[in-house]
Amino acid sequence: MSHDRPAISADEMRRRRKHVETAIADSRIEGFPPPSPAEEEIYDAYIRGEIDAGDLVTEYKRRNPR
C-alpha cells in the first residue's frame, strides 16, 4: 500500500471521525473517562482506514493484553 494516498476517501475519513467523536461523547455521558493516548491511536488508525470498525475491540485487546 502506498503511503502517498489515504486508503479511504476524505469523505469516509470525515464520516469515521464523526463516529469516533459521537462514541467518545456517548462514553462521557455514561461516565467513562476520556480515551487514553493508546485508545486515541487506535481511533486514529480507524479514521485513517487502517482498520475497520469490527477490528477496534480486537486491536484494543491486542495492544492491552490482560
Protein backbone atom coordinates (compact mmCIF):
# COMPACT_ATOMS: atom_id res chain seq x y z
CA MET A 1 0.00 0.00 0.00
CA SER A 2 1.25 3.45 -0.90
CA HIS A 3 1.65 5.97 1.89
CA ASP A 4 1.15 8.83 -0.60
CA ARG A 5 -2.60 8.35 -0.73
CA PRO A 6 -5.08 7.51 2.05
CA ALA A 7 -6.59 4.02 1.97
CA ILE A 8 -10.06 5.58 2.11
CA SER A 9 -11.64 8.74 0.71
CA ALA A 10 -11.66 12.06 2.53
CA ASP A 11 -15.45 11.75 2.88
CA GLU A 12 -15.09 8.34 4.52
CA MET A 13 -12.44 9.73 6.86
CA ARG A 14 -14.83 12.53 7.90
CA ARG A 15 -17.62 10.00 8.45
CA ARG A 16 -15.35 7.83 10.59
CA ARG A 17 -14.11 10.84 12.59
CA LYS A 18 -17.74 11.77 13.34
CA HIS A 19 -18.43 8.19 14.51
CA VAL A 20 -15.45 8.33 16.87
CA GLU A 21 -16.46 11.75 18.21
CA THR A 22 -20.00 10.51 18.84
CA ALA A 23 -18.77 7.35 20.57
CA ILE A 24 -16.46 9.37 22.84
CA ALA A 25 -19.28 11.80 23.69
CA ASP A 26 -21.64 8.91 24.45
CA SER A 27 -19.00 7.33 26.70
CA ARG A 28 -18.54 10.57 28.62
CA ILE A 29 -22.30 10.83 29.14
CA GLU A 30 -22.17 7.30 30.59
CA GLY A 31 -19.44 8.41 32.99
CA PHE A 32 -16.41 6.86 31.31
CA PRO A 33 -13.11 8.78 31.28
CA PRO A 34 -11.73 10.30 28.07
CA PRO A 35 -9.79 7.89 25.84
CA SER A 36 -6.19 7.17 26.74
CA PRO A 37 -3.41 8.05 24.28
CA ALA A 38 -3.26 4.35 23.32
CA GLU A 39 -7.00 4.32 22.60
CA GLU A 40 -6.67 7.53 20.58
CA GLU A 41 -4.02 5.82 18.43
CA ILE A 42 -6.48 3.02 17.68
CA TYR A 43 -9.25 5.51 16.84
CA ASP A 44 -6.85 7.38 14.56
CA ALA A 45 -5.98 4.12 12.75
CA TYR A 46 -9.71 3.55 12.22
CA ILE A 47 -10.21 7.10 10.94
CA ARG A 48 -7.30 6.68 8.50
CA GLY A 49 -8.81 3.44 7.20
CA GLU A 50 -6.05 1.20 8.52
CA ILE A 51 -8.56 -0.89 10.48
CA ASP A 52 -12.31 -1.41 10.21
CA ALA A 53 -14.92 -0.80 12.89
CA GLY A 54 -15.12 -4.52 13.58
CA ASP A 55 -11.40 -4.51 14.38
CA LEU A 56 -11.50 -1.79 17.06
CA VAL A 57 -12.05 -4.13 20.01
CA THR A 58 -9.64 -6.74 18.64
CA GLU A 59 -6.93 -4.11 18.20
CA TYR A 60 -7.52 -2.76 21.71
CA LYS A 61 -7.22 -6.26 23.19
CA ARG A 62 -4.10 -6.95 21.12
CA ARG A 63 -2.42 -3.82 22.44
CA ASN A 64 -3.66 -4.28 26.03
CA PRO A 65 -3.38 -7.95 26.95
CA ARG A 66 -4.56 -8.88 30.44
